[in-house]
C-alpha cells in the first residue's frame, strides 16, 4: 500500500502543477525513488512516457478551457507551458486533430485523456525468478537505432529494427566476425534514454583484440550490480512489464544509470532469454 500511496501522491503533484512548472525530481522524490528509476518505470507500468502523459493532460485541460471560456489562444498556450502560439498549435493539432481556435466550433471533436491513478490489482500468482549479480566492466559492440520511449510504439519499432539488421547483413557480419553460425542469436542493449527515445543496439560481447568495422559502435559497460530475470520462453515483452509492476515495487531495489540488456541465447526458433537491469539497494 505504501508504494500505491506514493504513486498516487506523485500523480496528485503532477495534476496540481499542470499549469505550472513540473519538476521530475520532485515527482520521483514523492514516489521515494530516483528520477532515473521513475522515468524508466513509468512507461512500463502505464504504457506511456512521463513526458507524454504530462503533455496529454495539459492539452486535455487546454481544450476544456478553450471550449468553456473566452480565453485567448496565446494565454492558454502560455498557461500550459508553450513558448509560442505556433508550438501550442502544432502540439494541439497532433493530439486533437484540429487547431486550437477550432475547439470552439460547434460539434468539434476532441480527445480527453483522464487523470491517471493507481489501484490494487491482484497479481503474484505466477512466480518470477531472478538473481542479483555483481559484474566487472565489459564491452559490447553492434548497431543501434533510436526507439521511442512510449511502450506501445517501442514494442512495434524494435521488431522492425531487428528485421532491418537481418536484411542489411549487419547480423550476419557480426556472427561472421565472432566465428558463429549465421542464425545464432545476438543480444540487445537499451541505453541513453532521454524520456522521449532510447538507443536499441543489436550487440554482443567484444572479444579482446577484435578489430570491428566502422559501421559498428562500441558500448562500454562499467562495473554494476545486475538484477537478472530469466525467461525460458523468451516472452521478454511481458517480462519487462512484470518487472516494473510487480518486482520493483516490493524488491527494495531501484534502477541506476547504465544500459539494460535483453540477452538472447541459442539459435533462432529455439531461443531463451534474460533481462539484465542495473540496480542498487534503496
Protein backbone atom coordinates (compact mmCIF):
# COMPACT_ATOMS: atom_id res chain seq x y z
CA UNK A 1 0.00 0.00 0.00
CA UNK A 2 2.89 2.38 0.67
CA UNK A 3 4.01 2.13 -2.96
CA UNK A 4 0.45 2.66 -4.15
CA UNK A 5 0.06 5.77 -1.99
CA UNK A 6 3.38 7.18 -3.16
CA UNK A 7 2.48 6.75 -6.83
CA UNK A 8 -0.92 8.38 -6.35
CA UNK A 9 0.71 11.25 -4.46
CA UNK A 10 3.10 11.70 -7.38
CA UNK A 11 0.11 11.86 -9.76
CA UNK A 12 -1.52 14.42 -7.46
CA UNK A 13 1.60 16.59 -7.66
CA UNK A 14 1.51 16.43 -11.48
CA UNK A 15 -2.19 17.29 -11.58
CA UNK A 16 -1.76 20.23 -9.21
CA UNK A 17 1.05 21.68 -11.31
CA UNK A 18 -0.19 21.20 -14.86
CA UNK A 19 -0.41 24.97 -15.26
CA UNK A 20 2.95 25.48 -13.56
CA UNK A 21 6.48 24.08 -13.64
CA UNK A 22 6.64 20.32 -13.05
CA UNK A 23 9.86 19.01 -11.54
CA UNK A 24 10.71 15.41 -12.45
CA UNK A 25 13.00 15.34 -9.42
CA UNK A 26 10.07 16.30 -7.18
CA UNK A 27 7.85 13.62 -8.74
CA UNK A 28 10.49 10.99 -8.04
CA UNK A 29 11.06 12.25 -4.51
CA UNK A 30 7.35 11.91 -3.76
CA UNK A 31 7.47 8.36 -5.15
CA UNK A 32 10.56 7.68 -2.99
CA UNK A 33 12.87 6.69 -5.81
CA UNK A 34 15.45 8.27 -8.08
CA UNK A 35 14.42 10.38 -11.06
CA UNK A 36 16.23 7.94 -13.34
CA UNK A 37 14.29 4.98 -11.96
CA UNK A 38 10.91 6.73 -12.04
CA UNK A 39 11.24 7.82 -15.67
CA UNK A 40 12.03 4.26 -16.73
CA UNK A 41 9.45 2.60 -14.51
CA UNK A 42 6.56 4.86 -15.54
CA UNK A 43 6.12 3.80 -19.20
CA UNK A 44 6.30 0.10 -18.37
CA UNK A 45 3.51 0.48 -15.81
CA UNK A 46 1.32 2.93 -17.72
CA UNK A 47 2.15 2.34 -21.38
CA UNK A 48 3.10 5.98 -21.95
CA UNK A 49 6.22 8.01 -21.12
CA UNK A 50 6.07 10.53 -18.28
CA UNK A 51 6.58 13.48 -20.61
CA UNK A 52 3.85 12.26 -22.96
CA UNK A 53 1.40 11.78 -20.08
CA UNK A 54 2.01 15.34 -18.86
CA UNK A 55 1.67 16.67 -22.40
CA UNK A 56 -1.65 14.86 -22.92
CA UNK A 57 -3.06 16.08 -19.61
CA UNK A 58 -2.08 19.69 -20.34
CA UNK A 59 -3.57 19.60 -23.82
CA UNK A 60 -6.74 17.98 -22.44
CA UNK A 61 -7.18 20.84 -19.95
CA UNK A 62 -6.30 23.37 -22.65
CA UNK A 63 -9.08 22.01 -24.86
CA UNK A 64 -11.60 22.22 -22.00
CA UNK A 65 -10.55 25.80 -21.32
CA UNK A 66 -10.85 26.86 -24.95
CA UNK A 67 -14.32 25.30 -25.16
CA UNK A 68 -15.71 26.79 -21.96
CA UNK A 69 -14.07 30.22 -21.68
CA UNK A 70 -13.22 33.22 -23.82
CA UNK A 71 -9.52 32.96 -23.03
CA UNK A 72 -7.17 33.88 -25.86
CA UNK A 73 -5.28 31.05 -27.51
CA UNK A 74 -1.94 32.68 -26.68
CA UNK A 75 -2.90 32.92 -22.99
CA UNK A 76 -3.91 29.25 -22.88
CA UNK A 77 -0.68 28.32 -24.67
CA UNK A 78 1.45 30.18 -22.14
CA UNK A 79 -0.54 28.79 -19.21
CA UNK A 80 0.21 25.21 -20.21
CA UNK A 81 3.90 25.69 -20.87
CA UNK A 82 4.19 26.59 -24.55
CA UNK A 83 6.51 29.42 -25.54
CA UNK A 84 4.60 30.40 -28.67
CA UNK A 85 1.13 30.01 -30.21
CA UNK A 86 2.77 28.15 -33.10
CA UNK A 87 4.27 25.47 -30.86
CA UNK A 88 0.99 25.15 -28.97
CA UNK A 89 -0.97 24.88 -32.22
CA UNK A 90 1.27 22.09 -33.54
CA UNK A 91 1.03 20.10 -30.32
CA UNK A 92 -2.73 20.68 -30.06
CA UNK A 93 -3.32 19.53 -33.64
CA UNK A 94 -1.12 16.46 -33.18
CA UNK A 95 -3.26 15.37 -30.24
CA UNK A 96 -6.75 16.58 -31.12
CA UNK A 97 -6.60 16.69 -34.91
CA UNK A 98 -7.70 20.33 -35.13
CA UNK A 99 -6.12 23.73 -34.44
CA UNK A 100 -6.86 25.37 -31.07
CA UNK A 101 -9.30 28.01 -32.30
CA UNK A 102 -11.43 25.26 -33.91
CA UNK A 103 -12.05 23.77 -30.45
CA UNK A 104 -14.76 26.43 -30.08
CA UNK A 105 -16.62 25.29 -33.21
CA UNK A 106 -19.96 23.66 -32.57
CA UNK A 107 -19.62 19.88 -32.67
CA UNK A 108 -15.81 19.95 -32.64
CA UNK A 109 -14.37 16.50 -31.89
CA UNK A 110 -11.63 16.49 -29.23
CA UNK A 111 -9.74 13.93 -27.18
CA UNK A 112 -9.76 13.86 -23.39
CA UNK A 113 -7.06 11.96 -21.52
CA UNK A 114 -8.22 11.44 -17.91
CA UNK A 115 -6.08 11.80 -14.85
CA UNK A 116 -4.16 8.64 -14.07
CA UNK A 117 -4.44 6.87 -10.74
CA UNK A 118 -3.14 3.60 -9.37
CA UNK A 119 -5.26 0.88 -7.78
CA UNK A 120 -4.76 -2.55 -6.31
CA UNK A 121 -4.57 -5.37 -8.83
CA UNK A 122 -4.30 -8.90 -7.53
CA UNK A 123 -1.15 -10.41 -9.06
CA UNK A 124 1.69 -12.65 -8.00
CA UNK A 125 0.05 -15.99 -8.86
CA UNK A 126 2.92 -16.65 -11.30
CA UNK A 127 6.39 -16.85 -9.78
CA UNK A 128 9.16 -14.60 -11.05
CA UNK A 129 12.69 -15.96 -10.94
CA UNK A 130 15.60 -13.56 -10.55
CA UNK A 131 19.14 -13.31 -9.26
CA UNK A 132 21.37 -10.43 -8.21
CA UNK A 133 24.91 -10.46 -9.59
CA UNK A 134 27.87 -8.11 -9.50
CA UNK A 135 29.86 -7.91 -12.71
CA UNK A 136 33.03 -6.08 -13.62
CA UNK A 137 33.26 -3.78 -16.65
CA UNK A 138 32.84 -5.23 -20.14
CA UNK A 139 32.45 -4.04 -23.73
CA UNK A 140 29.79 -4.77 -26.32
CA UNK A 141 29.66 -3.88 -30.00
CA UNK A 142 26.87 -3.67 -32.52
CA UNK A 143 24.50 -1.43 -34.45
CA UNK A 144 21.79 0.73 -32.88
CA UNK A 145 18.65 2.59 -33.82
CA UNK A 146 16.55 5.16 -31.98
CA UNK A 147 13.30 3.85 -30.50
CA UNK A 148 10.51 5.88 -28.90
CA UNK A 149 10.19 5.59 -25.12
CA UNK A 150 6.42 5.12 -25.44
CA UNK A 151 5.95 1.43 -24.68
CA UNK A 152 3.43 0.60 -27.39
CA UNK A 153 5.48 2.41 -30.02
CA UNK A 154 8.71 0.78 -28.82
CA UNK A 155 7.26 -2.73 -28.96
CA UNK A 156 6.37 -2.09 -32.62
CA UNK A 157 9.63 -0.36 -33.59
CA UNK A 158 12.03 -2.91 -32.06
CA UNK A 159 10.97 -5.87 -34.27
CA UNK A 160 11.18 -3.59 -37.31
CA UNK A 161 14.73 -2.57 -36.38
CA UNK A 162 15.79 -6.17 -35.73
CA UNK A 163 14.42 -7.17 -39.15
CA UNK A 164 16.31 -4.28 -40.76
CA UNK A 165 19.56 -5.52 -39.18
CA UNK A 166 18.85 -9.01 -40.53
CA UNK A 167 18.04 -7.71 -44.00
CA UNK A 168 21.02 -5.34 -44.35
CA UNK A 169 23.55 -8.01 -43.35
CA UNK A 170 24.57 -6.49 -40.01
CA UNK A 171 23.65 -9.61 -38.03
CA UNK A 172 25.40 -11.94 -40.47
CA UNK A 173 28.56 -9.80 -40.41
CA UNK A 174 28.62 -9.73 -36.60
CA UNK A 175 28.27 -13.50 -36.38
CA UNK A 176 30.97 -13.90 -39.03
CA UNK A 177 33.34 -11.68 -37.01
CA UNK A 178 32.55 -13.72 -33.91
CA UNK A 179 33.00 -17.07 -35.70
CA UNK A 180 29.41 -18.11 -35.02
CA UNK A 181 26.60 -19.62 -37.07
CA UNK A 182 24.58 -17.06 -39.00
CA UNK A 183 21.32 -17.80 -37.17
CA UNK A 184 22.89 -17.67 -33.70
CA UNK A 185 21.04 -15.05 -31.64
CA UNK A 186 22.65 -11.76 -30.65
CA UNK A 187 21.83 -9.68 -27.58
CA UNK A 188 20.25 -6.23 -27.33
CA UNK A 189 21.23 -3.19 -25.25
CA UNK A 190 18.80 -0.43 -24.24
CA UNK A 191 20.57 2.78 -23.22
CA UNK A 192 20.74 6.60 -23.41
CA UNK A 193 17.04 7.00 -22.57
CA UNK A 194 16.16 10.72 -22.53
CA UNK A 195 12.46 10.27 -21.76
CA UNK A 196 11.45 10.62 -25.40
CA UNK A 197 13.59 7.94 -27.05
CA UNK A 198 16.40 5.50 -26.34
CA UNK A 199 19.06 3.62 -28.27
CA UNK A 200 18.37 -0.03 -29.02
CA UNK A 201 21.54 -1.87 -30.04
CA UNK A 202 21.82 -5.33 -31.56
CA UNK A 203 25.07 -6.34 -29.88
CA UNK A 204 27.41 -8.94 -28.48
CA UNK A 205 30.41 -9.08 -26.16
CA UNK A 206 33.50 -7.63 -27.82
CA UNK A 207 36.29 -10.23 -27.85
CA UNK A 208 39.67 -8.92 -26.77
CA UNK A 209 41.74 -7.77 -29.73
CA UNK A 210 38.92 -7.97 -32.28
CA UNK A 211 39.01 -5.14 -34.82
CA UNK A 212 35.48 -4.16 -35.79
CA UNK A 213 34.39 -2.35 -38.99
CA UNK A 214 33.40 1.31 -38.78
CA UNK A 215 29.69 0.56 -39.17
CA UNK A 216 29.65 -0.89 -35.64
CA UNK A 217 29.58 1.02 -32.34
CA UNK A 218 31.32 0.06 -29.11
CA UNK A 219 29.40 0.22 -25.84
CA UNK A 220 31.49 0.31 -22.65
CA UNK A 221 29.63 -1.03 -19.61
CA UNK A 222 31.03 -0.15 -16.15
CA UNK A 223 31.10 -2.44 -13.15
CA UNK A 224 27.50 -2.72 -11.92
CA UNK A 225 25.12 -4.77 -9.82
CA UNK A 226 22.56 -6.52 -12.01
CA UNK A 227 19.07 -7.85 -11.41
CA UNK A 228 18.77 -10.71 -13.89
CA UNK A 229 15.43 -12.22 -14.87
CA UNK A 230 15.36 -15.43 -16.94
CA UNK A 231 12.56 -16.15 -19.39
CA UNK A 232 12.76 -19.66 -20.92
CA UNK A 233 10.01 -18.89 -23.45
CA UNK A 234 11.66 -15.62 -24.47
CA UNK A 235 8.44 -13.63 -23.85
CA UNK A 236 10.52 -10.62 -22.82
CA UNK A 237 7.82 -8.04 -23.56
CA UNK A 238 5.58 -9.47 -20.84
CA UNK A 239 8.56 -9.92 -18.52
CA UNK A 240 9.53 -6.23 -18.81
CA UNK A 241 6.03 -5.27 -17.67
CA UNK A 242 6.08 -7.67 -14.73
CA UNK A 243 9.49 -6.49 -13.53
CA UNK A 244 8.34 -2.88 -13.17
CA UNK A 245 4.79 -3.51 -11.98
CA UNK A 246 5.44 -6.49 -9.66
CA UNK A 247 9.12 -6.86 -8.76
CA UNK A 248 10.48 -3.34 -8.32
CA UNK A 249 7.67 -2.02 -6.06
CA UNK A 250 8.46 -4.58 -3.35
CA UNK A 251 12.08 -5.58 -4.01
CA UNK A 252 13.92 -2.81 -2.18
CA UNK A 253 15.93 -2.12 -5.35
CA UNK A 254 15.77 0.66 -7.91
CA UNK A 255 17.27 1.06 -11.35
CA UNK A 256 20.50 3.03 -11.76
CA UNK A 257 22.08 4.69 -14.79
CA UNK A 258 23.55 2.32 -17.31
CA UNK A 259 22.40 0.11 -20.16
CA UNK A 260 19.84 -2.63 -19.70
CA UNK A 261 20.09 -5.80 -21.75
CA UNK A 262 17.91 -8.37 -23.42
CA UNK A 263 20.19 -11.41 -23.54
CA UNK A 264 19.14 -13.99 -26.13
CA UNK A 265 20.56 -17.50 -26.05
CA UNK A 266 20.51 -20.26 -28.63
CA UNK A 267 19.50 -20.37 -32.27
CA UNK A 268 16.60 -18.61 -33.94
CA UNK A 269 13.42 -20.56 -33.23
CA UNK A 270 14.88 -22.26 -30.13
CA UNK A 271 15.74 -19.19 -28.10
CA UNK A 272 15.61 -18.45 -24.40
CA UNK A 273 16.31 -15.07 -22.87
CA UNK A 274 17.14 -12.95 -19.86
CA UNK A 275 16.62 -9.29 -18.96
CA UNK A 276 19.52 -7.56 -17.20
CA UNK A 277 18.82 -4.29 -15.35
CA UNK A 278 21.48 -2.33 -13.38
CA UNK A 279 20.24 -1.76 -9.83
CA UNK A 280 21.16 -0.61 -6.35
CA UNK A 281 19.61 -1.12 -2.94
CA UNK A 282 17.34 1.78 -1.96
